[in-house]
Structure formats: C-alpha cells, structure tokens
C-alpha cells in the first residue's frame, strides 16, 4: 500500500480506540496521513518518517470548508469516528481507491446516509475495526493495543512529582473524578465518600485532565492538607500513561483516561452513569 489516510477529529477516547487500525496501516503504508484533534497518535507512534500529522483545533470538526487540501491519491481513506454530518462530507475532499467509515452513535447520520451500518456500542465498533484490519491484510491480525515506551527519564520525572509521598506498603488506586459532559459526571459527594473509604488501606491519587484544576480544588477541600495526593495538571499525556503503570487500579467514569489505560498495565474499574437497557 503506497498511501493511506486516517481522519479522526473525535475526542481522546475515540482516538485511542482506533490505535490498532492505525498501527496496522502504519506498518503497511509507505505514507500514512493522520488528520486529528488528539495528540495521542504522535505520543504513541512518534515522529516516524512515513507518518504525517495534520492537526485541527475543532473537536468533531464542524468547519468542513476549512479542510486542508491534500494532493495525494490514497489507496485507503478511513474515517475513525463519525458523530456529525460534516464528518461524512469530508470524504469529498479526499481522493482514494477505497473509503471506509467507522460509524458510532449517529442515528441522524443513518437517516442521511442509509447505506451506512450504524454501531451503537463499543463492541460493534471494535468488531468493525477488526474486520477492516483483516480485510486489508488478508490475514488474521493479532488485535492488540500498542504499549507506550516509557524511558527511564520519564520515571525520574514521575518520582519527582510524587516526592516519596506514597506508602510503599500499600497498593495504589488512581481516581479520575473529572470528566467533560454532565451526563457522565457523578456528584462530588460520591467521590468524597469513596476516597474516605479507601484512604486507610490504599494510596489514593487523584488524576485528571489539565483543565480540571478548579474541580480538583473543589474536591480536595473536603480533606485535610496533604491527606490526598493529586497529579492533576502536573503531567503531560505521555507522562500520564506511564504514571498509570505505577498503580494497580484506576477508578474513572467514561472518559479519555479510561481509554488511555488500555496503553498501560493498570486495571480499570469504569463507572458508567448512562447506559442503554
């Protein structure tokens, strides 16, 4: 395969879920173009010679008329996650021999494009990607997520962040109480009670996205000074993934950190506030 194109302007979690497909295309295509809102691809795959990153600041990419001109004829173009009509329309800008959609949570898209198959859960989403990989490679490919290489200097930096504040006789639990979207959130009181229950027997560390500092302050005011350790806003994306390897469990709502845990060795206890019967 000479050239492939991956379009994924969805959130961090959606981008993580497409990593196995991107990893397969990376090994097969002489040139791989990735159009994305998330830095996770560059964090995982780095600046490899055959990968070209095109970034957008527009989450879900609604400004379709601003799509950059890519004067390449691709063997394959893949849309990672469709959640808006404009993310279907983008294909008119791409010249490719084959074009593939991953469709998720988009009933209104189905009405506009009835030939698309709609998947409403992650199981179907994974199956679709696996089928795509098998059809491209003509063989059964091992379905794995890439493991992030964590250099020794990264662990030195993480140890500096922790400053020997953890009790080495206890196991460590990470808690991510911060998530975008009110429907995924639980009340602060829920996490306060959970943390108070865990603190006597575990190291409890708050984790979360960098812009959750204000929410972190709201939560930590229920605890004594230095009673609760937090790394919110202190780690970049790569450091955060490596940091998860230093603990045993991550408790988190449906969020970017929940998906990032797939790239580490930590066990995840997910909390879903919205489910379908």
C-alpha atoms as a PDB file:
ATOM      1  CA  UNK A   1       0.000   0.000   0.000  1.00  0.00           C
ATOM      2  CA  UNK A   2       1.504   3.291  -1.081  1.00  0.00           C
ATOM      3  CA  UNK A   3      -0.574   5.860   0.833  1.00  0.00           C
ATOM      4  CA  UNK A   4      -3.335   5.762   3.466  1.00  0.00           C
ATOM      5  CA  UNK A   5      -5.347   8.486   5.171  1.00  0.00           C
ATOM      6  CA  UNK A   6      -6.931   8.398   8.648  1.00  0.00           C
ATOM      7  CA  UNK A   7      -9.457  11.059   9.652  1.00  0.00           C
ATOM      8  CA  UNK A   8     -10.326  11.217  13.344  1.00  0.00           C
ATOM      9  CA  UNK A   9     -11.355  14.553  14.799  1.00  0.00           C
ATOM     10  CA  UNK A  10     -13.196  12.962  17.712  1.00  0.00           C
ATOM     11  CA  UNK A  11     -12.227  13.022  21.364  1.00  0.00           C
ATOM     12  CA  UNK A  12      -9.290  11.379  23.087  1.00  0.00           C
ATOM     13  CA  UNK A  13     -11.137   8.148  23.892  1.00  0.00           C
ATOM     14  CA  UNK A  14     -12.355   7.689  20.324  1.00  0.00           C
ATOM     15  CA  UNK A  15      -8.816   8.219  19.066  1.00  0.00           C
ATOM     16  CA  UNK A  16      -7.404   5.606  21.438  1.00  0.00           C
ATOM     17  CA  UNK A  17      -9.922   3.048  20.172  1.00  0.00           C
ATOM     18  CA  UNK A  18      -8.622   3.428  16.612  1.00  0.00           C
ATOM     19  CA  UNK A  19      -4.958   2.835  17.535  1.00  0.00           C
ATOM     20  CA  UNK A  20      -4.906  -0.848  16.415  1.00  0.00           C
ATOM     21  CA  UNK A  21      -6.120   0.152  12.952  1.00  0.00           C
ATOM     22  CA  UNK A  22      -3.599   2.977  12.717  1.00  0.00           C
ATOM     23  CA  UNK A  23      -0.837   0.664  13.911  1.00  0.00           C
ATOM     24  CA  UNK A  24      -1.678  -1.808  11.146  1.00  0.00           C
ATOM     25  CA  UNK A  25      -1.823   0.875   8.459  1.00  0.00           C
ATOM     26  CA  UNK A  26       1.455   2.334   9.703  1.00  0.00           C
ATOM     27  CA  UNK A  27       3.203  -0.964   9.065  1.00  0.00           C
ATOM     28  CA  UNK A  28       1.675  -1.374   5.603  1.00  0.00           C
ATOM     29  CA  UNK A  29       1.611   2.086   4.014  1.00  0.00           C
ATOM     30  CA  UNK A  30       4.633   3.888   2.641  1.00  0.00           C
ATOM     31  CA  UNK A  31       2.913   7.126   3.652  1.00  0.00           C
ATOM     32  CA  UNK A  32       0.271   7.492   6.364  1.00  0.00           C
ATOM     33  CA  UNK A  33      -1.557  10.803   6.795  1.00  0.00           C
ATOM     34  CA  UNK A  34      -3.401  11.294  10.103  1.00  0.00           C
ATOM     35  CA  UNK A  35      -5.877  14.159  10.423  1.00  0.00           C
ATOM     36  CA  UNK A  36      -6.783  14.512  14.091  1.00  0.00           C
ATOM     37  CA  UNK A  37      -7.747  16.673  17.030  1.00  0.00           C
ATOM     38  CA  UNK A  38      -5.901  14.464  19.518  1.00  0.00           C
ATOM     39  CA  UNK A  39      -2.123  14.269  20.105  1.00  0.00           C
ATOM     40  CA  UNK A  40      -2.347  10.600  21.140  1.00  0.00           C
ATOM     41  CA  UNK A  41      -1.184   9.277  17.756  1.00  0.00           C
ATOM     42  CA  UNK A  42       2.019  11.300  17.890  1.00  0.00           C
ATOM     43  CA  UNK A  43       2.563  10.359  21.546  1.00  0.00           C
ATOM     44  CA  UNK A  44       2.282   6.640  20.746  1.00  0.00           C
ATOM     45  CA  UNK A  45       3.890   6.442  17.310  1.00  0.00           C
ATOM     46  CA  UNK A  46       6.235   9.419  17.472  1.00  0.00           C
ATOM     47  CA  UNK A  47       7.666  11.290  14.509  1.00  0.00           C
ATOM     48  CA  UNK A  48       8.205   8.361  12.203  1.00  0.00           C
ATOM     49  CA  UNK A  49       9.294   9.108   8.688  1.00  0.00           C
ATOM     50  CA  UNK A  50       6.251   7.607   6.973  1.00  0.00           C
ATOM     51  CA  UNK A  51       3.658   9.388   9.193  1.00  0.00           C
ATOM     52  CA  UNK A  52       2.395  12.905   8.522  1.00  0.00           C
ATOM     53  CA  UNK A  53       0.178  14.566  11.152  1.00  0.00           C
ATOM     54  CA  UNK A  54      -2.424  17.206  10.291  1.00  0.00           C
ATOM     55  CA  UNK A  55      -3.968  18.813  13.377  1.00  0.00           C
ATOM     56  CA  UNK A  56      -7.280  20.612  13.833  1.00  0.00           C
ATOM     57  CA  UNK A  57      -8.393  22.637  16.849  1.00  0.00           C
ATOM     58  CA  UNK A  58     -12.039  21.910  16.052  1.00  0.00           C
ATOM     59  CA  UNK A  59     -13.290  18.931  18.084  1.00  0.00           C
ATOM     60  CA  UNK A  60     -15.601  16.785  15.908  1.00  0.00           C
ATOM     61  CA  UNK A  61     -14.561  19.013  13.016  1.00  0.00           C
ATOM     62  CA  UNK A  62     -17.550  21.096  12.020  1.00  0.00           C
ATOM     63  CA  UNK A  63     -15.639  23.540   9.794  1.00  0.00           C
ATOM     64  CA  UNK A  64     -15.595  21.251   6.813  1.00  0.00           C
ATOM     65  CA  UNK A  65     -14.900  24.049   4.333  1.00  0.00           C
ATOM     66  CA  UNK A  66     -11.571  24.686   6.051  1.00  0.00           C
ATOM     67  CA  UNK A  67     -10.353  21.168   5.372  1.00  0.00           C
ATOM     68  CA  UNK A  68      -6.751  21.337   4.122  1.00  0.00           C
ATOM     69  CA  UNK A  69      -6.032  20.300   0.568  1.00  0.00           C
ATOM     70  CA  UNK A  70      -4.057  17.057   0.434  1.00  0.00           C
ATOM     71  CA  UNK A  71      -2.887  16.437  -3.115  1.00  0.00           C
ATOM     72  CA  UNK A  72      -2.363  12.710  -2.743  1.00  0.00           C
ATOM     73  CA  UNK A  73      -4.298   9.805  -4.247  1.00  0.00           C
ATOM     74  CA  UNK A  74      -4.749   7.321  -1.396  1.00  0.00           C
ATOM     75  CA  UNK A  75      -5.131   3.574  -1.595  1.00  0.00           C
ATOM     76  CA  UNK A  76      -7.339   3.742   1.507  1.00  0.00           C
ATOM     77  CA  UNK A  77      -9.081   6.542   3.439  1.00  0.00           C
ATOM     78  CA  UNK A  78     -10.546   5.776   6.871  1.00  0.00           C
ATOM     79  CA  UNK A  79     -12.901   7.919   8.941  1.00  0.00           C
ATOM     80  CA  UNK A  80     -12.218   6.993  12.561  1.00  0.00           C
ATOM     81  CA  UNK A  81     -15.437   8.132  14.260  1.00  0.00           C
ATOM     82  CA  UNK A  82     -18.476   9.811  12.750  1.00  0.00           C
ATOM     83  CA  UNK A  83     -20.662  11.862  15.052  1.00  0.00           C
ATOM     84  CA  UNK A  84     -21.619  14.743  12.791  1.00  0.00           C
ATOM     85  CA  UNK A  85     -22.840  15.135   9.249  1.00  0.00           C
ATOM     86  CA  UNK A  86     -19.783  17.178   8.318  1.00  0.00           C
ATOM     87  CA  UNK A  87     -17.527  14.253   9.191  1.00  0.00           C
ATOM     88  CA  UNK A  88     -19.174  12.268   6.408  1.00  0.00           C
ATOM     89  CA  UNK A  89     -18.952  15.137   3.967  1.00  0.00           C
ATOM     90  CA  UNK A  90     -15.199  15.422   4.422  1.00  0.00           C
ATOM     91  CA  UNK A  91     -14.709  12.481   2.068  1.00  0.00           C
ATOM     92  CA  UNK A  92     -15.493  14.662  -0.925  1.00  0.00           C
ATOM     93  CA  UNK A  93     -12.121  16.322  -0.300  1.00  0.00           C
ATOM     94  CA  UNK A  94     -10.209  13.037  -0.344  1.00  0.00           C
ATOM     95  CA  UNK A  95      -9.244  11.086  -3.437  1.00  0.00           C
ATOM     96  CA  UNK A  96      -8.943   7.412  -2.585  1.00  0.00           C
ATOM     97  CA  UNK A  97      -9.377   3.982  -4.117  1.00  0.00           C
ATOM     98  CA  UNK A  98     -11.298   2.754  -1.049  1.00  0.00           C
ATOM     99  CA  UNK A  99     -13.110   4.747   1.632  1.00  0.00           C
ATOM    100  CA  UNK A 100     -14.189   3.284   4.972  1.00  0.00           C
ATOM    101  CA  UNK A 101     -16.348   4.758   7.750  1.00  0.00           C
ATOM    102  CA  UNK A 102     -16.453   3.822  11.414  1.00  0.00           C
ATOM    103  CA  UNK A 103     -19.944   4.885  12.462  1.00  0.00           C
ATOM    104  CA  UNK A 104     -20.923   5.259  16.117  1.00  0.00           C
ATOM    105  CA  UNK A 105     -23.772   6.956  17.994  1.00  0.00           C
ATOM    106  CA  UNK A 106     -25.158   8.649  14.907  1.00  0.00           C
ATOM    107  CA  UNK A 107     -28.802   7.846  14.184  1.00  0.00           C
ATOM    108  CA  UNK A 108     -29.239  11.146  12.327  1.00  0.00           C
ATOM    109  CA  UNK A 109     -26.347  10.158  10.063  1.00  0.00           C
ATOM    110  CA  UNK A 110     -28.183   6.942   9.197  1.00  0.00           C
ATOM    111  CA  UNK A 111     -31.212   8.904   8.001  1.00  0.00           C
ATOM    112  CA  UNK A 112     -28.999  10.923   5.677  1.00  0.00           C
ATOM    113  CA  UNK A 113     -26.851   8.012   4.545  1.00  0.00           C
ATOM    114  CA  UNK A 114     -28.966   4.825   4.855  1.00  0.00           C
ATOM    115  CA  UNK A 115     -26.277   2.658   3.252  1.00  0.00           C
ATOM    116  CA  UNK A 116     -24.072   3.115   6.327  1.00  0.00           C
ATOM    117  CA  UNK A 117     -24.169   0.499   9.053  1.00  0.00           C
ATOM    118  CA  UNK A 118     -24.636   2.070  12.465  1.00  0.00           C
ATOM    119  CA  UNK A 119     -22.958   0.715  15.604  1.00  0.00           C
ATOM    120  CA  UNK A 120     -24.336   1.925  18.927  1.00  0.00           C
ATOM    121  CA  UNK A 121     -21.857   0.306  21.264  1.00  0.00           C
ATOM    122  CA  UNK A 122     -18.126  -0.184  21.503  1.00  0.00           C
ATOM    123  CA  UNK A 123     -18.319  -3.930  20.881  1.00  0.00           C
ATOM    124  CA  UNK A 124     -19.628  -3.344  17.377  1.00  0.00           C
ATOM    125  CA  UNK A 125     -17.100  -0.578  16.924  1.00  0.00           C
ATOM    126  CA  UNK A 126     -14.232  -2.918  17.804  1.00  0.00           C
ATOM    127  CA  UNK A 127     -15.595  -5.670  15.551  1.00  0.00           C
ATOM    128  CA  UNK A 128     -15.769  -3.271  12.625  1.00  0.00           C
ATOM    129  CA  UNK A 129     -12.144  -2.256  13.081  1.00  0.00           C
ATOM    130  CA  UNK A 130     -11.036  -5.873  13.383  1.00  0.00           C
ATOM    131  CA  UNK A 131     -12.888  -6.738  10.183  1.00  0.00           C
ATOM    132  CA  UNK A 132     -11.225  -3.801   8.447  1.00  0.00           C
ATOM    133  CA  UNK A 133      -7.754  -4.912   9.528  1.00  0.00           C
ATOM    134  CA  UNK A 134      -8.377  -8.489   8.406  1.00  0.00           C
ATOM    135  CA  UNK A 135      -9.751  -7.396   5.031  1.00  0.00           C
ATOM    136  CA  UNK A 136      -6.815  -5.059   4.399  1.00  0.00           C
ATOM    137  CA  UNK A 137      -4.111  -7.508   5.396  1.00  0.00           C
ATOM    138  CA  UNK A 138      -5.852 -10.656   4.081  1.00  0.00           C
ATOM    139  CA  UNK A 139      -4.884 -12.439   7.274  1.00  0.00           C
ATOM    140  CA  UNK A 140      -5.940 -12.695  10.902  1.00  0.00           C
ATOM    141  CA  UNK A 141      -4.027  -9.949  12.704  1.00  0.00           C
ATOM    142  CA  UNK A 142      -3.461 -10.030  16.434  1.00  0.00           C
ATOM    143  CA  UNK A 143      -5.819  -7.469  17.972  1.00  0.00           C
ATOM    144  CA  UNK A 144      -3.660  -5.551  20.415  1.00  0.00           C
ATOM    145  CA  UNK A 145      -3.146  -2.008  21.577  1.00  0.00           C
ATOM    146  CA  UNK A 146       0.382  -0.640  21.305  1.00  0.00           C
ATOM    147  CA  UNK A 147       2.285  -0.296  24.565  1.00  0.00           C
ATOM    148  CA  UNK A 148       3.851   3.070  25.170  1.00  0.00           C
ATOM    149  CA  UNK A 149       7.599   3.073  25.662  1.00  0.00           C
ATOM    150  CA  UNK A 150       8.394   4.855  28.932  1.00  0.00           C
ATOM    151  CA  UNK A 151      12.050   5.931  29.056  1.00  0.00           C
ATOM    152  CA  UNK A 152      13.877   5.980  32.367  1.00  0.00           C
ATOM    153  CA  UNK A 153      13.971   9.772  32.467  1.00  0.00           C
ATOM    154  CA  UNK A 154      10.163   9.780  32.443  1.00  0.00           C
ATOM    155  CA  UNK A 155      10.107   7.696  35.623  1.00  0.00           C
ATOM    156  CA  UNK A 156      12.656  10.034  37.202  1.00  0.00           C
ATOM    157  CA  UNK A 157      10.275  12.877  36.453  1.00  0.00           C
ATOM    158  CA  UNK A 158       7.313  10.948  37.910  1.00  0.00           C
ATOM    159  CA  UNK A 159       9.221  10.150  41.084  1.00  0.00           C
ATOM    160  CA  UNK A 160       9.971  13.847  41.409  1.00  0.00           C
ATOM    161  CA  UNK A 161       6.255  14.588  41.131  1.00  0.00           C
ATOM    162  CA  UNK A 162       5.407  12.045  43.828  1.00  0.00           C
ATOM    163  CA  UNK A 163       8.269  13.142  46.120  1.00  0.00           C
ATOM    164  CA  UNK A 164       8.175   9.915  48.137  1.00  0.00           C
ATOM    165  CA  UNK A 165       4.734  10.718  49.484  1.00  0.00           C
ATOM    166  CA  UNK A 166       3.354   7.231  48.925  1.00  0.00           C
ATOM    167  CA  UNK A 167       3.307   4.450  51.496  1.00  0.00           C
ATOM    168  CA  UNK A 168       5.212   1.610  49.824  1.00  0.00           C
ATOM    169  CA  UNK A 169       3.423  -0.965  51.986  1.00  0.00           C
ATOM    170  CA  UNK A 170       0.078  -0.073  50.386  1.00  0.00           C
ATOM    171  CA  UNK A 171      -1.272  -0.592  46.898  1.00  0.00           C
ATOM    172  CA  UNK A 172      -2.114   2.464  44.836  1.00  0.00           C
ATOM    173  CA  UNK A 173      -5.507   3.405  43.429  1.00  0.00           C
ATOM    174  CA  UNK A 174      -5.935   6.226  40.929  1.00  0.00           C
ATOM    175  CA  UNK A 175      -9.253   8.060  40.877  1.00  0.00           C
ATOM    176  CA  UNK A 176     -10.343  10.276  38.000  1.00  0.00           C
ATOM    177  CA  UNK A 177     -13.497  12.136  39.102  1.00  0.00           C
ATOM    178  CA  UNK A 178     -13.258  14.750  36.356  1.00  0.00           C
ATOM    179  CA  UNK A 179     -14.982  14.312  33.015  1.00  0.00           C
ATOM    180  CA  UNK A 180     -16.464  16.578  30.367  1.00  0.00           C
ATOM    181  CA  UNK A 181     -20.204  16.334  29.917  1.00  0.00           C
ATOM    182  CA  UNK A 182     -22.666  16.491  32.782  1.00  0.00           C
ATOM    183  CA  UNK A 183     -24.354  13.208  31.875  1.00  0.00           C
ATOM    184  CA  UNK A 184     -21.131  11.333  32.687  1.00  0.00           C
ATOM    185  CA  UNK A 185     -20.459  13.112  35.959  1.00  0.00           C
ATOM    186  CA  UNK A 186     -21.222  11.886  39.448  1.00  0.00           C
ATOM    187  CA  UNK A 187     -21.714  14.243  42.406  1.00  0.00           C
ATOM    188  CA  UNK A 188     -18.596  15.366  44.246  1.00  0.00           C
ATOM    189  CA  UNK A 189     -20.024  13.773  47.393  1.00  0.00           C
ATOM    190  CA  UNK A 190     -19.835  10.342  45.758  1.00  0.00           C
ATOM    191  CA  UNK A 191     -16.085  10.633  45.264  1.00  0.00           C
ATOM    192  CA  UNK A 192     -15.555  12.139  48.712  1.00  0.00           C
ATOM    193  CA  UNK A 193     -17.194   9.109  50.340  1.00  0.00           C
ATOM    194  CA  UNK A 194     -15.325   6.700  48.064  1.00  0.00           C
ATOM    195  CA  UNK A 195     -11.948   8.274  48.807  1.00  0.00           C
ATOM    196  CA  UNK A 196     -12.583   8.336  52.563  1.00  0.00           C
ATOM    197  CA  UNK A 197     -13.428   4.647  52.377  1.00  0.00           C
ATOM    198  CA  UNK A 198     -10.194   3.808  50.529  1.00  0.00           C
ATOM    199  CA  UNK A 199      -7.672   6.085  52.249  1.00  0.00           C
ATOM    200  CA  UNK A 200      -6.989   3.915  55.331  1.00  0.00           C
ATOM    201  CA  UNK A 201      -5.864   0.933  53.232  1.00  0.00           C
ATOM    202  CA  UNK A 202      -4.594   2.367  49.939  1.00  0.00           C
ATOM    203  CA  UNK A 203      -2.568   5.156  48.437  1.00  0.00           C
ATOM    204  CA  UNK A 204      -5.193   7.267  46.667  1.00  0.00           C
ATOM    205  CA  UNK A 205      -4.059   9.577  43.882  1.00  0.00           C
ATOM    206  CA  UNK A 206      -6.295  11.987  42.004  1.00  0.00           C
ATOM    207  CA  UNK A 207      -5.683  12.089  38.261  1.00  0.00           C
ATOM    208  CA  UNK A 208      -7.389  14.018  35.503  1.00  0.00           C
ATOM    209  CA  UNK A 209      -7.112  16.330  32.559  1.00  0.00           C
ATOM    210  CA  UNK A 210      -5.025  19.517  32.925  1.00  0.00           C
ATOM    211  CA  UNK A 211      -8.041  21.850  32.840  1.00  0.00           C
ATOM    212  CA  UNK A 212      -9.646  20.125  35.849  1.00  0.00           C
ATOM    213  CA  UNK A 213      -7.628  22.077  38.420  1.00  0.00           C
ATOM    214  CA  UNK A 214     -10.647  24.056  39.657  1.00  0.00           C
ATOM    215  CA  UNK A 215     -12.715  20.891  40.060  1.00  0.00           C
ATOM    216  CA  UNK A 216      -9.790  19.323  41.906  1.00  0.00           C
ATOM    217  CA  UNK A 217      -9.761  22.186  44.420  1.00  0.00           C
ATOM    218  CA  UNK A 218     -13.477  21.739  44.993  1.00  0.00           C
ATOM    219  CA  UNK A 219     -12.924  18.068  45.821  1.00  0.00           C
ATOM    220  CA  UNK A 220      -9.784  18.377  47.950  1.00  0.00           C
ATOM    221  CA  UNK A 221     -11.350  20.949  50.285  1.00  0.00           C
ATOM    222  CA  UNK A 222     -13.144  18.029  51.967  1.00  0.00           C
ATOM    223  CA  UNK A 223      -9.789  16.619  53.117  1.00  0.00           C
ATOM    224  CA  UNK A 224      -7.006  17.752  55.412  1.00  0.00           C
ATOM    225  CA  UNK A 225      -3.895  19.297  53.920  1.00  0.00           C
ATOM    226  CA  UNK A 226      -1.591  16.644  52.419  1.00  0.00           C
ATOM    227  CA  UNK A 227      -4.176  13.937  53.132  1.00  0.00           C
ATOM    228  CA  UNK A 228      -4.949  13.464  49.437  1.00  0.00           C
ATOM    229  CA  UNK A 229      -2.289  13.353  46.735  1.00  0.00           C
ATOM    230  CA  UNK A 230      -3.064  14.753  43.278  1.00  0.00           C
ATOM    231  CA  UNK A 231      -1.236  14.938  39.950  1.00  0.00           C
ATOM    232  CA  UNK A 232      -3.992  16.859  38.150  1.00  0.00           C
ATOM    233  CA  UNK A 233      -2.373  19.361  35.801  1.00  0.00           C
ATOM    234  CA  UNK A 234       1.147  18.126  36.591  1.00  0.00           C
ATOM    235  CA  UNK A 235       1.682  15.556  33.832  1.00  0.00           C
ATOM    236  CA  UNK A 236       1.676  15.673  30.067  1.00  0.00           C
ATOM    237  CA  UNK A 237      -0.130  12.980  28.093  1.00  0.00           C
ATOM    238  CA  UNK A 238       2.831  10.624  27.768  1.00  0.00           C
ATOM    239  CA  UNK A 239       3.771  11.009  31.431  1.00  0.00           C
ATOM    240  CA  UNK A 240       0.187  10.294  32.457  1.00  0.00           C
ATOM    241  CA  UNK A 241       0.108   6.974  30.580  1.00  0.00           C
ATOM    242  CA  UNK A 242       3.457   5.964  32.078  1.00  0.00           C
ATOM    243  CA  UNK A 243       2.266   7.081  35.516  1.00  0.00           C
ATOM    244  CA  UNK A 244      -0.644   4.632  35.356  1.00  0.00           C
ATOM    245  CA  UNK A 245       1.892   1.785  35.339  1.00  0.00           C
ATOM    246  CA  UNK A 246       2.890   2.745  38.886  1.00  0.00           C
ATOM    247  CA  UNK A 247      -0.512   1.817  40.340  1.00  0.00           C
ATOM    248  CA  UNK A 248      -2.838  -1.166  40.492  1.00  0.00           C
ATOM    249  CA  UNK A 249      -6.328   0.243  39.816  1.00  0.00           C
ATOM    250  CA  UNK A 250      -7.856   3.217  38.017  1.00  0.00           C
ATOM    251  CA  UNK A 251     -11.409   4.204  39.001  1.00  0.00           C
ATOM    252  CA  UNK A 252     -12.889   6.500  36.387  1.00  0.00           C
ATOM    253  CA  UNK A 253     -16.058   7.489  34.536  1.00  0.00           C
ATOM    254  CA  UNK A 254     -16.309   7.031  30.776  1.00  0.00           C
ATOM    255  CA  UNK A 255     -13.561   9.438  29.737  1.00  0.00           C
ATOM    256  CA  UNK A 256     -10.226   9.868  27.999  1.00  0.00           C
ATOM    257  CA  UNK A 257      -8.216   8.444  30.945  1.00  0.00           C
ATOM    258  CA  UNK A 258     -10.383   5.308  30.906  1.00  0.00           C
ATOM    259  CA  UNK A 259      -9.324   4.635  27.321  1.00  0.00           C
ATOM    260  CA  UNK A 260      -5.711   5.695  27.884  1.00  0.00           C
ATOM    261  CA  UNK A 261      -5.445   2.926  30.479  1.00  0.00           C
ATOM    262  CA  UNK A 262      -5.529   0.465  27.554  1.00  0.00           C
ATOM    263  CA  UNK A 263      -1.975   1.591  26.815  1.00  0.00           C
ATOM    264  CA  UNK A 264      -0.750   0.768  30.329  1.00  0.00           C
ATOM    265  CA  UNK A 265      -0.807  -2.175  32.732  1.00  0.00           C
ATOM    266  CA  UNK A 266      -3.276  -0.703  35.219  1.00  0.00           C
ATOM    267  CA  UNK A 267      -6.625  -2.414  35.891  1.00  0.00           C
ATOM    268  CA  UNK A 268      -9.663  -0.232  35.229  1.00  0.00           C
ATOM    269  CA  UNK A 269     -12.864  -0.001  37.261  1.00  0.00           C
ATOM    270  CA  UNK A 270     -15.136   2.055  34.976  1.00  0.00           C
ATOM    271  CA  UNK A 271     -18.166   3.974  36.211  1.00  0.00           C
ATOM    272  CA  UNK A 272     -20.928   4.439  33.652  1.00  0.00           C
ATOM    273  CA  UNK A 273     -23.655   6.881  34.595  1.00  0.00           C
ATOM    274  CA  UNK A 274     -25.599   6.476  31.345  1.00  0.00           C
ATOM    275  CA  UNK A 275     -26.464   3.078  29.893  1.00  0.00           C
ATOM    276  CA  UNK A 276     -28.923   1.685  27.381  1.00  0.00           C
ATOM    277  CA  UNK A 277     -31.335  -1.018  28.578  1.00  0.00           C
END
